[in-house]
Amino acid sequence: MKGLQRITFDPAVMGGKPCLRGLRVTAGMLVGLVACGYSTEQILELYPYLEAEDITEALRFAAWRAEELELPLNAA
């Protein structure tokens, strides 16, 4: 998705899952914390090396992935 600057993919980090800024923090983990009711402030207290923009971008990435349509490829 265009406009996402903080989401990184590296096979050597967390098995290639989408992470934030190359850190061992996945977008899915942050979205899960928000879904469990953690506030941005609470997450930043737990993970002081993160920034509020990391959480926002993880949510934007998850929303984009939820709307993405995957279509099977037909054999020629």
PDB file of N, CA and C in Angstrom:
ATOM      1  N   MET A   1       0.839  -1.178   0.000  1.00  0.00           N
ATOM      2  CA  MET A   1       0.000   0.000   0.000  1.00  0.00           C
ATOM      3  C   MET A   1       0.881   1.236   0.000  1.00  0.00           C
ATOM      4  N   LYS A   2       0.567   2.167  -0.864  1.00  0.00           N
ATOM      5  CA  LYS A   2       1.313   3.418  -0.907  1.00  0.00           C
ATOM      6  C   LYS A   2       1.061   4.218   0.366  1.00  0.00           C
ATOM      7  N   GLY A   3       2.071   4.933   0.793  1.00  0.00           N
ATOM      8  CA  GLY A   3       1.929   5.789   1.959  1.00  0.00           C
ATOM      9  C   GLY A   3       2.324   5.147   3.267  1.00  0.00           C
ATOM     10  N   LEU A   4       2.590   3.859   3.260  1.00  0.00           N
ATOM     11  CA  LEU A   4       3.033   3.197   4.488  1.00  0.00           C
ATOM     12  C   LEU A   4       4.555   3.194   4.500  1.00  0.00           C
ATOM     13  N   GLN A   5       5.131   3.987   5.377  1.00  0.00           N
ATOM     14  CA  GLN A   5       6.584   4.118   5.454  1.00  0.00           C
ATOM     15  C   GLN A   5       7.194   3.282   6.572  1.00  0.00           C
ATOM     16  N   ARG A   6       6.395   2.873   7.532  1.00  0.00           N
ATOM     17  CA  ARG A   6       6.931   2.210   8.717  1.00  0.00           C
ATOM     18  C   ARG A   6       6.803   0.689   8.680  1.00  0.00           C
ATOM     19  N   ILE A   7       5.997   0.158   7.790  1.00  0.00           N
ATOM     20  CA  ILE A   7       5.811  -1.291   7.688  1.00  0.00           C
ATOM     21  C   ILE A   7       6.951  -1.862   6.853  1.00  0.00           C
ATOM     22  N   THR A   8       7.655  -2.842   7.414  1.00  0.00           N
ATOM     23  CA  THR A   8       8.764  -3.473   6.715  1.00  0.00           C
ATOM     24  C   THR A   8       8.551  -4.979   6.645  1.00  0.00           C
ATOM     25  N   PHE A   9       9.140  -5.583   5.623  1.00  0.00           N
ATOM     26  CA  PHE A   9       9.094  -7.027   5.428  1.00  0.00           C
ATOM     27  C   PHE A   9      10.529  -7.511   5.240  1.00  0.00           C
ATOM     28  N   ASP A  10      10.964  -8.404   6.108  1.00  0.00           N
ATOM     29  CA  ASP A  10      12.320  -8.939   6.019  1.00  0.00           C
ATOM     30  C   ASP A  10      12.245 -10.403   6.445  1.00  0.00           C
ATOM     31  N   PRO A  11      12.598 -11.329   5.548  1.00  0.00           N
ATOM     32  CA  PRO A  11      12.535 -12.750   5.914  1.00  0.00           C
ATOM     33  C   PRO A  11      13.364 -13.088   7.147  1.00  0.00           C
ATOM     34  N   ALA A  12      14.369 -12.281   7.456  1.00  0.00           N
ATOM     35  CA  ALA A  12      15.221 -12.543   8.615  1.00  0.00           C
ATOM     36  C   ALA A  12      14.650 -11.982   9.919  1.00  0.00           C
ATOM     37  N   VAL A  13      13.555 -11.242   9.827  1.00  0.00           N
ATOM     38  CA  VAL A  13      12.943 -10.646  11.024  1.00  0.00           C
ATOM     39  C   VAL A  13      11.517 -11.152  11.138  1.00  0.00           C
ATOM     40  N   MET A  14      11.246 -11.889  12.195  1.00  0.00           N
ATOM     41  CA  MET A  14       9.901 -12.420  12.488  1.00  0.00           C
ATOM     42  C   MET A  14       9.334 -13.222  11.308  1.00  0.00           C
ATOM     43  N   GLY A  15      10.211 -13.923  10.610  1.00  0.00           N
ATOM     44  CA  GLY A  15       9.767 -14.792   9.520  1.00  0.00           C
ATOM     45  C   GLY A  15       9.157 -14.052   8.342  1.00  0.00           C
ATOM     46  N   GLY A  16       9.468 -12.778   8.198  1.00  0.00           N
ATOM     47  CA  GLY A  16       8.946 -12.010   7.075  1.00  0.00           C
ATOM     48  C   GLY A  16       7.583 -11.381   7.313  1.00  0.00           C
ATOM     49  N   LYS A  17       7.047 -11.524   8.517  1.00  0.00           N
ATOM     50  CA  LYS A  17       5.764 -10.883   8.830  1.00  0.00           C
ATOM     51  C   LYS A  17       5.936  -9.363   8.766  1.00  0.00           C
ATOM     52  N   PRO A  18       4.844  -8.639   8.506  1.00  0.00           N
ATOM     53  CA  PRO A  18       4.954  -7.183   8.485  1.00  0.00           C
ATOM     54  C   PRO A  18       5.297  -6.654   9.880  1.00  0.00           C
ATOM     55  N   CYS A  19       6.415  -5.937   9.939  1.00  0.00           N
ATOM     56  CA  CYS A  19       6.913  -5.390  11.202  1.00  0.00           C
ATOM     57  C   CYS A  19       6.966  -3.874  11.115  1.00  0.00           C
ATOM     58  N   LEU A  20       7.222  -3.256  12.251  1.00  0.00           N
ATOM     59  CA  LEU A  20       7.341  -1.812  12.309  1.00  0.00           C
ATOM     60  C   LEU A  20       8.804  -1.425  12.321  1.00  0.00           C
ATOM     61  N   ARG A  21       9.207  -0.677  11.312  1.00  0.00           N
ATOM     62  CA  ARG A  21      10.546  -0.105  11.205  1.00  0.00           C
ATOM     63  C   ARG A  21      11.661  -1.127  11.390  1.00  0.00           C
ATOM     64  N   GLY A  22      11.449  -2.362  10.946  1.00  0.00           N
ATOM     65  CA  GLY A  22      12.476  -3.387  11.044  1.00  0.00           C
ATOM     66  C   GLY A  22      12.647  -3.961  12.438  1.00  0.00           C
ATOM     67  N   LEU A  23      11.832  -3.513  13.384  1.00  0.00           N
ATOM     68  CA  LEU A  23      11.889  -4.034  14.752  1.00  0.00           C
ATOM     69  C   LEU A  23      11.190  -5.384  14.827  1.00  0.00           C
ATOM     70  N   ARG A  24      11.411  -6.098  15.885  1.00  0.00           N
ATOM     71  CA  ARG A  24      10.765  -7.395  16.076  1.00  0.00           C
ATOM     72  C   ARG A  24       9.389  -7.199  16.725  1.00  0.00           C
ATOM     73  N   VAL A  25       8.644  -6.279  16.184  1.00  0.00           N
ATOM     74  CA  VAL A  25       7.281  -5.977  16.622  1.00  0.00           C
ATOM     75  C   VAL A  25       6.408  -6.037  15.373  1.00  0.00           C
ATOM     76  N   THR A  26       5.472  -6.985  15.353  1.00  0.00           N
ATOM     77  CA  THR A  26       4.643  -7.131  14.160  1.00  0.00           C
ATOM     78  C   THR A  26       3.440  -6.202  14.203  1.00  0.00           C
ATOM     79  N   ALA A  27       2.973  -5.876  13.020  1.00  0.00           N
ATOM     80  CA  ALA A  27       1.756  -5.070  12.911  1.00  0.00           C
ATOM     81  C   ALA A  27       0.597  -5.805  13.575  1.00  0.00           C
ATOM     82  N   GLY A  28       0.536  -7.105  13.391  1.00  0.00           N
ATOM     83  CA  GLY A  28      -0.530  -7.905  13.988  1.00  0.00           C
ATOM     84  C   GLY A  28      -0.534  -7.856  15.503  1.00  0.00           C
ATOM     85  N   MET A  29       0.645  -7.830  16.110  1.00  0.00           N
ATOM     86  CA  MET A  29       0.718  -7.749  17.564  1.00  0.00           C
ATOM     87  C   MET A  29       0.144  -6.424  18.054  1.00  0.00           C
ATOM     88  N   LEU A  30       0.491  -5.337  17.375  1.00  0.00           N
ATOM     89  CA  LEU A  30      -0.030  -4.033  17.779  1.00  0.00           C
ATOM     90  C   LEU A  30      -1.541  -3.951  17.587  1.00  0.00           C
ATOM     91  N   VAL A  31      -2.023  -4.463  16.474  1.00  0.00           N
ATOM     92  CA  VAL A  31      -3.471  -4.459  16.232  1.00  0.00           C
ATOM     93  C   VAL A  31      -4.173  -5.304  17.299  1.00  0.00           C
ATOM     94  N   GLY A  32      -3.572  -6.408  17.662  1.00  0.00           N
ATOM     95  CA  GLY A  32      -4.140  -7.250  18.713  1.00  0.00           C
ATOM     96  C   GLY A  32      -4.224  -6.538  20.052  1.00  0.00           C
ATOM     97  N   LEU A  33      -3.198  -5.782  20.394  1.00  0.00           N
ATOM     98  CA  LEU A  33      -3.232  -5.027  21.649  1.00  0.00           C
ATOM     99  C   LEU A  33      -4.341  -3.985  21.636  1.00  0.00           C
ATOM    100  N   VAL A  34      -4.483  -3.287  20.520  1.00  0.00           N
ATOM    101  CA  VAL A  34      -5.563  -2.297  20.406  1.00  0.00           C
ATOM    102  C   VAL A  34      -6.918  -3.001  20.518  1.00  0.00           C
ATOM    103  N   ALA A  35      -7.057  -4.150  19.862  1.00  0.00           N
ATOM    104  CA  ALA A  35      -8.321  -4.894  19.910  1.00  0.00           C
ATOM    105  C   ALA A  35      -8.643  -5.368  21.325  1.00  0.00           C
ATOM    106  N   CYS A  36      -7.612  -5.601  22.134  1.00  0.00           N
ATOM    107  CA  CYS A  36      -7.826  -6.028  23.524  1.00  0.00           C
ATOM    108  C   CYS A  36      -8.096  -4.853  24.467  1.00  0.00           C
ATOM    109  N   GLY A  37      -8.087  -3.639  23.922  1.00  0.00           N
ATOM    110  CA  GLY A  37      -8.437  -2.488  24.736  1.00  0.00           C
ATOM    111  C   GLY A  37      -7.282  -1.644  25.222  1.00  0.00           C
ATOM    112  N   TYR A  38      -6.066  -1.981  24.829  1.00  0.00           N
ATOM    113  CA  TYR A  38      -4.929  -1.161  25.244  1.00  0.00           C
ATOM    114  C   TYR A  38      -4.964   0.183  24.517  1.00  0.00           C
ATOM    115  N   SER A  39      -4.661   1.233  25.229  1.00  0.00           N
ATOM    116  CA  SER A  39      -4.597   2.562  24.622  1.00  0.00           C
ATOM    117  C   SER A  39      -3.204   2.754  24.020  1.00  0.00           C
ATOM    118  N   THR A  40      -3.078   3.757  23.187  1.00  0.00           N
ATOM    119  CA  THR A  40      -1.774   4.090  22.613  1.00  0.00           C
ATOM    120  C   THR A  40      -0.768   4.345  23.723  1.00  0.00           C
ATOM    121  N   GLU A  41      -1.174   5.082  24.737  1.00  0.00           N
ATOM    122  CA  GLU A  41      -0.279   5.400  25.848  1.00  0.00           C
ATOM    123  C   GLU A  41       0.191   4.140  26.564  1.00  0.00           C
ATOM    124  N   GLN A  42      -0.722   3.191  26.790  1.00  0.00           N
ATOM    125  CA  GLN A  42      -0.352   1.948  27.456  1.00  0.00           C
ATOM    126  C   GLN A  42       0.630   1.139  26.607  1.00  0.00           C
ATOM    127  N   ILE A  43       0.387   1.082  25.312  1.00  0.00           N
ATOM    128  CA  ILE A  43       1.283   0.335  24.422  1.00  0.00           C
ATOM    129  C   ILE A  43       2.663   0.978  24.415  1.00  0.00           C
ATOM    130  N   LEU A  44       2.717   2.293  24.371  1.00  0.00           N
ATOM    131  CA  LEU A  44       4.004   2.978  24.363  1.00  0.00           C
ATOM    132  C   LEU A  44       4.743   2.813  25.689  1.00  0.00           C
ATOM    133  N   GLU A  45       4.015   2.640  26.777  1.00  0.00           N
ATOM    134  CA  GLU A  45       4.659   2.347  28.058  1.00  0.00           C
ATOM    135  C   GLU A  45       5.260   0.950  28.044  1.00  0.00           C
ATOM    136  N   LEU A  46       4.534  -0.006  27.446  1.00  0.00           N
ATOM    137  CA  LEU A  46       5.024  -1.383  27.364  1.00  0.00           C
ATOM    138  C   LEU A  46       6.200  -1.517  26.400  1.00  0.00           C
ATOM    139  N   TYR A  47       6.181  -0.739  25.337  1.00  0.00           N
ATOM    140  CA  TYR A  47       7.200  -0.798  24.289  1.00  0.00           C
ATOM    141  C   TYR A  47       7.731   0.613  24.044  1.00  0.00           C
ATOM    142  N   PRO A  48       8.623   1.104  24.903  1.00  0.00           N
ATOM    143  CA  PRO A  48       9.070   2.499  24.820  1.00  0.00           C
ATOM    144  C   PRO A  48       9.842   2.842  23.545  1.00  0.00           C
ATOM    145  N   TYR A  49      10.295   1.849  22.817  1.00  0.00           N
ATOM    146  CA  TYR A  49      11.014   2.111  21.565  1.00  0.00           C
ATOM    147  C   TYR A  49      10.062   2.328  20.393  1.00  0.00           C
ATOM    148  N   LEU A  50       8.770   2.179  20.613  1.00  0.00           N
ATOM    149  CA  LEU A  50       7.782   2.461  19.568  1.00  0.00           C
ATOM    150  C   LEU A  50       7.349   3.924  19.636  1.00  0.00           C
ATOM    151  N   GLU A  51       6.722   4.355  18.560  1.00  0.00           N
ATOM    152  CA  GLU A  51       6.172   5.707  18.485  1.00  0.00           C
ATOM    153  C   GLU A  51       4.684   5.598  18.170  1.00  0.00           C
ATOM    154  N   ALA A  52       3.925   6.615  18.543  1.00  0.00           N
ATOM    155  CA  ALA A  52       2.474   6.602  18.307  1.00  0.00           C
ATOM    156  C   ALA A  52       2.166   6.360  16.828  1.00  0.00           C
ATOM    157  N   GLU A  53       2.996   6.897  15.946  1.00  0.00           N
ATOM    158  CA  GLU A  53       2.782   6.718  14.511  1.00  0.00           C
ATOM    159  C   GLU A  53       2.909   5.257  14.094  1.00  0.00           C
ATOM    160  N   ASP A  54       3.703   4.465  14.834  1.00  0.00           N
ATOM    161  CA  ASP A  54       3.816   3.038  14.543  1.00  0.00           C
ATOM    162  C   ASP A  54       2.465   2.344  14.738  1.00  0.00           C
ATOM    163  N   ILE A  55       1.788   2.699  15.799  1.00  0.00           N
ATOM    164  CA  ILE A  55       0.487   2.089  16.093  1.00  0.00           C
ATOM    165  C   ILE A  55      -0.532   2.501  15.038  1.00  0.00           C
ATOM    166  N   THR A  56      -0.536   3.771  14.689  1.00  0.00           N
ATOM    167  CA  THR A  56      -1.452   4.262  13.659  1.00  0.00           C
ATOM    168  C   THR A  56      -1.205   3.551  12.335  1.00  0.00           C
ATOM    169  N   GLU A  57       0.059   3.398  11.970  1.00  0.00           N
ATOM    170  CA  GLU A  57       0.369   2.751  10.703  1.00  0.00           C
ATOM    171  C   GLU A  57       0.009   1.265  10.727  1.00  0.00           C
ATOM    172  N   ALA A  58       0.190   0.596  11.856  1.00  0.00           N
ATOM    173  CA  ALA A  58      -0.208  -0.811  11.967  1.00  0.00           C
ATOM    174  C   ALA A  58      -1.718  -0.953  11.756  1.00  0.00           C
ATOM    175  N   LEU A  59      -2.489  -0.036  12.312  1.00  0.00           N
ATOM    176  CA  LEU A  59      -3.937  -0.059  12.125  1.00  0.00           C
ATOM    177  C   LEU A  59      -4.325   0.225  10.677  1.00  0.00           C
ATOM    178  N   ARG A  60      -3.644   1.188  10.049  1.00  0.00           N
ATOM    179  CA  ARG A  60      -3.907   1.488   8.632  1.00  0.00           C
ATOM    180  C   ARG A  60      -3.581   0.278   7.763  1.00  0.00           C
ATOM    181  N   PHE A  61      -2.468  -0.393   8.062  1.00  0.00           N
ATOM    182  CA  PHE A  61      -2.073  -1.571   7.305  1.00  0.00           C
ATOM    183  C   PHE A  61      -3.116  -2.681   7.459  1.00  0.00           C
ATOM    184  N   ALA A  62      -3.582  -2.904   8.687  1.00  0.00           N
ATOM    185  CA  ALA A  62      -4.585  -3.948   8.938  1.00  0.00           C
ATOM    186  C   ALA A  62      -5.891  -3.642   8.221  1.00  0.00           C
ATOM    187  N   ALA A  63      -6.296  -2.387   8.220  1.00  0.00           N
ATOM    188  CA  ALA A  63      -7.526  -2.009   7.522  1.00  0.00           C
ATOM    189  C   ALA A  63      -7.384  -2.244   6.026  1.00  0.00           C
ATOM    190  N   TRP A  64      -6.232  -1.902   5.472  1.00  0.00           N
ATOM    191  CA  TRP A  64      -5.987  -2.123   4.048  1.00  0.00           C
ATOM    192  C   TRP A  64      -6.014  -3.613   3.714  1.00  0.00           C
ATOM    193  N   ARG A  65      -5.353  -4.431   4.562  1.00  0.00           N
ATOM    194  CA  ARG A  65      -5.323  -5.881   4.320  1.00  0.00           C
ATOM    195  C   ARG A  65      -6.723  -6.483   4.434  1.00  0.00           C
ATOM    196  N   ALA A  66      -7.533  -5.968   5.334  1.00  0.00           N
ATOM    197  CA  ALA A  66      -8.882  -6.500   5.509  1.00  0.00           C
ATOM    198  C   ALA A  66      -9.746  -6.245   4.279  1.00  0.00           C
ATOM    199  N   GLU A  67      -9.466  -5.184   3.556  1.00  0.00           N
ATOM    200  CA  GLU A  67     -10.240  -4.836   2.367  1.00  0.00           C
ATOM    201  C   GLU A  67      -9.651  -5.406   1.078  1.00  0.00           C
ATOM    202  N   GLU A  68      -8.434  -5.920   1.163  1.00  0.00           N
ATOM    203  CA  GLU A  68      -7.762  -6.447  -0.019  1.00  0.00           C
ATOM    204  C   GLU A  68      -8.480  -7.708  -0.501  1.00  0.00           C
ATOM    205  N   LEU A  69      -8.632  -7.841  -1.776  1.00  0.00           N
ATOM    206  CA  LEU A  69      -9.313  -8.976  -2.377  1.00  0.00           C
ATOM    207  C   LEU A  69      -8.281  -9.894  -3.007  1.00  0.00           C
ATOM    208  N   GLU A  70      -8.297 -11.151  -2.610  1.00  0.00           N
ATOM    209  CA  GLU A  70      -7.376 -12.125  -3.196  1.00  0.00           C
ATOM    210  C   GLU A  70      -8.169 -13.005  -4.165  1.00  0.00           C
ATOM    211  N   LEU A  71      -7.671 -13.092  -5.368  1.00  0.00           N
ATOM    212  CA  LEU A  71      -8.329 -13.889  -6.395  1.00  0.00           C
ATOM    213  C   LEU A  71      -7.420 -15.036  -6.806  1.00  0.00           C
ATOM    214  N   PRO A  72      -7.967 -16.229  -6.999  1.00  0.00           N
ATOM    215  CA  PRO A  72      -7.123 -17.342  -7.443  1.00  0.00           C
ATOM    216  C   PRO A  72      -6.705 -17.135  -8.892  1.00  0.00           C
ATOM    217  N   LEU A  73      -5.516 -17.607  -9.199  1.00  0.00           N
ATOM    218  CA  LEU A  73      -5.034 -17.560 -10.575  1.00  0.00           C
ATOM    219  C   LEU A  73      -5.551 -18.788 -11.304  1.00  0.00           C
ATOM    220  N   ASN A  74      -6.056 -18.584 -12.478  1.00  0.00           N
ATOM    221  CA  ASN A  74      -6.518 -19.701 -13.294  1.00  0.00           C
ATOM    222  C   ASN A  74      -5.377 -20.161 -14.191  1.00  0.00           C
ATOM    223  N   ALA A  75      -5.255 -21.476 -14.337  1.00  0.00           N
ATOM    224  CA  ALA A  75      -4.219 -22.022 -15.232  1.00  0.00           C
ATOM    225  C   ALA A  75      -4.557 -21.652 -16.668  1.00  0.00           C
ATOM    226  N   ALA A  76      -3.545 -21.313 -17.415  1.00  0.00           N
ATOM    227  CA  ALA A  76      -3.755 -20.910 -18.814  1.00  0.00           C
ATOM    228  C   ALA A  76      -4.116 -22.099 -19.692  1.00  0.00           C
TER     229      ALA A  76
END
